[in-house]
Amino acid sequence: MPNVLIYKARSLKPQTRAAVEAELRRALKDDEDVSIMAFGTEEALTGGARRRAAQKLEGNFRGNDKSSGAHPEPSIEAAASATRRRGSARPL
Protein backbone atom coordinates (compact mmCIF):
# COMPACT_ATOMS: atom_id res chain seq x y z
CA MET A 1 0.00 0.00 0.00
CA PRO A 2 1.27 3.50 -0.77
CA ASN A 3 2.37 5.76 2.07
CA VAL A 4 1.71 8.98 0.14
CA LEU A 5 -1.41 9.97 -1.76
CA ILE A 6 -1.78 13.22 -3.72
CA TYR A 7 -5.11 14.56 -4.92
CA LYS A 8 -6.34 17.72 -6.59
CA ALA A 9 -8.76 19.41 -4.22
CA ARG A 10 -11.43 19.34 -6.91
CA SER A 11 -11.30 15.53 -7.00
CA LEU A 12 -11.80 14.97 -3.25
CA LYS A 13 -15.08 13.59 -1.96
CA PRO A 14 -17.12 16.41 -0.40
CA GLN A 15 -16.80 14.97 3.11
CA THR A 16 -13.01 14.52 2.70
CA ARG A 17 -12.60 18.05 1.37
CA ALA A 18 -14.65 19.40 4.28
CA ALA A 19 -12.48 17.49 6.78
CA VAL A 20 -9.25 18.81 5.21
CA GLU A 21 -10.58 22.38 5.14
CA ALA A 22 -11.64 22.06 8.78
CA GLU A 23 -8.14 20.88 9.77
CA LEU A 24 -6.44 23.63 7.74
CA ARG A 25 -8.99 26.20 8.94
CA ARG A 26 -9.32 27.58 5.43
CA ALA A 27 -11.02 26.81 2.15
CA LEU A 28 -9.14 24.89 -0.52
CA LYS A 29 -8.81 26.17 -4.06
CA ASP A 30 -9.85 23.63 -6.69
CA ASP A 31 -6.37 23.53 -8.26
CA GLU A 32 -4.52 22.91 -4.96
CA ASP A 33 -2.77 19.62 -4.36
CA VAL A 34 -3.64 17.79 -1.16
CA SER A 35 -1.22 15.14 0.05
CA ILE A 36 -1.89 12.51 2.65
CA MET A 37 1.13 10.80 4.20
CA ALA A 38 1.33 7.93 6.65
CA PHE A 39 4.42 7.11 8.72
CA GLY A 40 5.08 4.18 10.97
CA THR A 41 6.51 4.78 14.42
CA GLU A 42 9.75 3.46 15.82
CA GLU A 43 10.97 3.22 19.36
CA ALA A 44 13.47 5.93 20.30
CA LEU A 45 16.99 4.80 21.09
CA THR A 46 18.00 4.85 24.75
CA GLY A 47 21.13 4.46 26.82
CA GLY A 48 24.28 3.31 25.05
CA ALA A 49 22.61 2.96 21.66
CA ARG A 50 21.50 6.60 21.84
CA ARG A 51 25.02 7.75 22.79
CA ARG A 52 26.57 5.74 19.94
CA ALA A 53 24.11 7.20 17.46
CA ALA A 54 24.86 10.72 18.70
CA GLN A 55 28.61 10.13 18.39
CA LYS A 56 28.17 8.79 14.87
CA LEU A 57 26.16 11.87 13.88
CA GLU A 58 28.76 14.20 15.38
CA GLY A 59 31.47 12.41 13.40
CA ASN A 60 29.42 12.77 10.22
CA PHE A 61 28.90 16.48 10.89
CA ARG A 62 32.64 17.00 11.42
CA GLY A 63 33.37 15.12 8.21
CA ASN A 64 30.85 17.23 6.31
CA ASP A 65 32.37 20.42 7.72
CA LYS A 66 35.84 19.37 6.58
CA SER A 67 34.75 18.36 3.09
CA SER A 68 32.66 21.52 2.59
CA GLY A 69 35.54 23.82 3.51
CA ALA A 70 33.76 25.19 6.56
CA HIS A 71 36.20 26.40 9.16
CA PRO A 72 35.63 27.10 12.81
CA GLU A 73 35.94 30.77 13.79
CA PRO A 74 39.41 30.45 15.42
CA SER A 75 41.02 29.12 12.22
CA ILE A 76 39.54 31.98 10.18
CA GLU A 77 40.95 34.48 12.67
CA ALA A 78 44.33 32.72 12.64
CA ALA A 79 44.45 32.93 8.83
CA ALA A 80 43.56 36.63 8.91
CA SER A 81 46.24 37.29 11.54
CA ALA A 82 48.86 35.42 9.52
CA THR A 83 47.97 37.47 6.44
CA ARG A 84 48.26 40.71 8.40
CA ARG A 85 51.66 39.63 9.78
CA ARG A 86 52.93 39.02 6.26
CA GLY A 87 51.80 42.50 5.29
CA SER A 88 49.52 41.19 2.57
CA ALA A 89 46.37 42.73 3.94
CA ARG A 90 45.39 46.17 2.75
CA PRO A 91 43.58 48.52 5.11
CA LEU A 92 39.93 49.05 4.32
C-alpha atoms as a PDB file:
ATOM      1  CA  MET A   1       0.000   0.000   0.000  1.00  0.00           C
ATOM      2  CA  PRO A   2       1.271   3.497  -0.769  1.00  0.00           C
ATOM      3  CA  ASN A   3       2.375   5.763   2.071  1.00  0.00           C
ATOM      4  CA  VAL A   4       1.709   8.985   0.145  1.00  0.00           C
ATOM      5  CA  LEU A   5      -1.410   9.973  -1.763  1.00  0.00           C
ATOM      6  CA  ILE A   6      -1.776  13.220  -3.720  1.00  0.00           C
ATOM      7  CA  TYR A   7      -5.111  14.558  -4.920  1.00  0.00           C
ATOM      8  CA  LYS A   8      -6.340  17.717  -6.585  1.00  0.00           C
ATOM      9  CA  ALA A   9      -8.757  19.411  -4.216  1.00  0.00           C
ATOM     10  CA  ARG A  10     -11.429  19.339  -6.913  1.00  0.00           C
ATOM     11  CA  SER A  11     -11.299  15.527  -7.001  1.00  0.00           C
ATOM     12  CA  LEU A  12     -11.798  14.973  -3.252  1.00  0.00           C
ATOM     13  CA  LYS A  13     -15.080  13.595  -1.964  1.00  0.00           C
ATOM     14  CA  PRO A  14     -17.121  16.414  -0.398  1.00  0.00           C
ATOM     15  CA  GLN A  15     -16.796  14.971   3.114  1.00  0.00           C
ATOM     16  CA  THR A  16     -13.013  14.518   2.697  1.00  0.00           C
ATOM     17  CA  ARG A  17     -12.599  18.050   1.375  1.00  0.00           C
ATOM     18  CA  ALA A  18     -14.650  19.404   4.276  1.00  0.00           C
ATOM     19  CA  ALA A  19     -12.481  17.490   6.775  1.00  0.00           C
ATOM     20  CA  VAL A  20      -9.247  18.806   5.208  1.00  0.00           C
ATOM     21  CA  GLU A  21     -10.583  22.378   5.144  1.00  0.00           C
ATOM     22  CA  ALA A  22     -11.636  22.063   8.778  1.00  0.00           C
ATOM     23  CA  GLU A  23      -8.139  20.884   9.767  1.00  0.00           C
ATOM     24  CA  LEU A  24      -6.441  23.626   7.739  1.00  0.00           C
ATOM     25  CA  ARG A  25      -8.986  26.203   8.945  1.00  0.00           C
ATOM     26  CA  ARG A  26      -9.317  27.579   5.428  1.00  0.00           C
ATOM     27  CA  ALA A  27     -11.020  26.813   2.152  1.00  0.00           C
ATOM     28  CA  LEU A  28      -9.143  24.887  -0.520  1.00  0.00           C
ATOM     29  CA  LYS A  29      -8.808  26.175  -4.062  1.00  0.00           C
ATOM     30  CA  ASP A  30      -9.853  23.627  -6.691  1.00  0.00           C
ATOM     31  CA  ASP A  31      -6.369  23.526  -8.258  1.00  0.00           C
ATOM     32  CA  GLU A  32      -4.518  22.914  -4.959  1.00  0.00           C
ATOM     33  CA  ASP A  33      -2.766  19.615  -4.361  1.00  0.00           C
ATOM     34  CA  VAL A  34      -3.637  17.791  -1.157  1.00  0.00           C
ATOM     35  CA  SER A  35      -1.224  15.135   0.054  1.00  0.00           C
ATOM     36  CA  ILE A  36      -1.891  12.511   2.651  1.00  0.00           C
ATOM     37  CA  MET A  37       1.131  10.803   4.200  1.00  0.00           C
ATOM     38  CA  ALA A  38       1.334   7.925   6.647  1.00  0.00           C
ATOM     39  CA  PHE A  39       4.425   7.113   8.719  1.00  0.00           C
ATOM     40  CA  GLY A  40       5.085   4.182  10.971  1.00  0.00           C
ATOM     41  CA  THR A  41       6.510   4.778  14.420  1.00  0.00           C
ATOM     42  CA  GLU A  42       9.753   3.465  15.818  1.00  0.00           C
ATOM     43  CA  GLU A  43      10.972   3.220  19.359  1.00  0.00           C
ATOM     44  CA  ALA A  44      13.466   5.925  20.298  1.00  0.00           C
ATOM     45  CA  LEU A  45      16.990   4.801  21.086  1.00  0.00           C
ATOM     46  CA  THR A  46      17.995   4.849  24.750  1.00  0.00           C
ATOM     47  CA  GLY A  47      21.126   4.460  26.817  1.00  0.00           C
ATOM     48  CA  GLY A  48      24.283   3.307  25.048  1.00  0.00           C
ATOM     49  CA  ALA A  49      22.610   2.961  21.660  1.00  0.00           C
ATOM     50  CA  ARG A  50      21.500   6.598  21.838  1.00  0.00           C
ATOM     51  CA  ARG A  51      25.022   7.747  22.789  1.00  0.00           C
ATOM     52  CA  ARG A  52      26.573   5.741  19.941  1.00  0.00           C
ATOM     53  CA  ALA A  53      24.106   7.202  17.460  1.00  0.00           C
ATOM     54  CA  ALA A  54      24.861  10.724  18.700  1.00  0.00           C
ATOM     55  CA  GLN A  55      28.609  10.128  18.387  1.00  0.00           C
ATOM     56  CA  LYS A  56      28.167   8.794  14.865  1.00  0.00           C
ATOM     57  CA  LEU A  57      26.155  11.875  13.883  1.00  0.00           C
ATOM     58  CA  GLU A  58      28.763  14.197  15.382  1.00  0.00           C
ATOM     59  CA  GLY A  59      31.471  12.411  13.402  1.00  0.00           C
ATOM     60  CA  ASN A  60      29.424  12.770  10.218  1.00  0.00           C
ATOM     61  CA  PHE A  61      28.898  16.484  10.892  1.00  0.00           C
ATOM     62  CA  ARG A  62      32.636  16.998  11.424  1.00  0.00           C
ATOM     63  CA  GLY A  63      33.373  15.123   8.208  1.00  0.00           C
ATOM     64  CA  ASN A  64      30.847  17.234   6.305  1.00  0.00           C
ATOM     65  CA  ASP A  65      32.367  20.420   7.720  1.00  0.00           C
ATOM     66  CA  LYS A  66      35.844  19.367   6.583  1.00  0.00           C
ATOM     67  CA  SER A  67      34.750  18.364   3.087  1.00  0.00           C
ATOM     68  CA  SER A  68      32.662  21.521   2.592  1.00  0.00           C
ATOM     69  CA  GLY A  69      35.544  23.816   3.507  1.00  0.00           C
ATOM     70  CA  ALA A  70      33.762  25.187   6.560  1.00  0.00           C
ATOM     71  CA  HIS A  71      36.204  26.399   9.157  1.00  0.00           C
ATOM     72  CA  PRO A  72      35.627  27.100  12.810  1.00  0.00           C
ATOM     73  CA  GLU A  73      35.940  30.766  13.794  1.00  0.00           C
ATOM     74  CA  PRO A  74      39.413  30.451  15.420  1.00  0.00           C
ATOM     75  CA  SER A  75      41.023  29.123  12.224  1.00  0.00           C
ATOM     76  CA  ILE A  76      39.541  31.982  10.179  1.00  0.00           C
ATOM     77  CA  GLU A  77      40.947  34.479  12.675  1.00  0.00           C
ATOM     78  CA  ALA A  78      44.327  32.717  12.641  1.00  0.00           C
ATOM     79  CA  ALA A  79      44.449  32.927   8.829  1.00  0.00           C
ATOM     80  CA  ALA A  80      43.561  36.625   8.914  1.00  0.00           C
ATOM     81  CA  SER A  81      46.243  37.291  11.543  1.00  0.00           C
ATOM     82  CA  ALA A  82      48.863  35.422   9.520  1.00  0.00           C
ATOM     83  CA  THR A  83      47.969  37.471   6.443  1.00  0.00           C
ATOM     84  CA  ARG A  84      48.263  40.715   8.402  1.00  0.00           C
ATOM     85  CA  ARG A  85      51.664  39.634   9.782  1.00  0.00           C
ATOM     86  CA  ARG A  86      52.935  39.016   6.264  1.00  0.00           C
ATOM     87  CA  GLY A  87      51.803  42.495   5.294  1.00  0.00           C
ATOM     88  CA  SER A  88      49.524  41.193   2.573  1.00  0.00           C
ATOM     89  CA  ALA A  89      46.373  42.730   3.940  1.00  0.00           C
ATOM     90  CA  ARG A  90      45.393  46.172   2.748  1.00  0.00           C
ATOM     91  CA  PRO A  91      43.582  48.517   5.111  1.00  0.00           C
ATOM     92  CA  LEU A  92      39.928  49.053   4.320  1.00  0.00           C
END
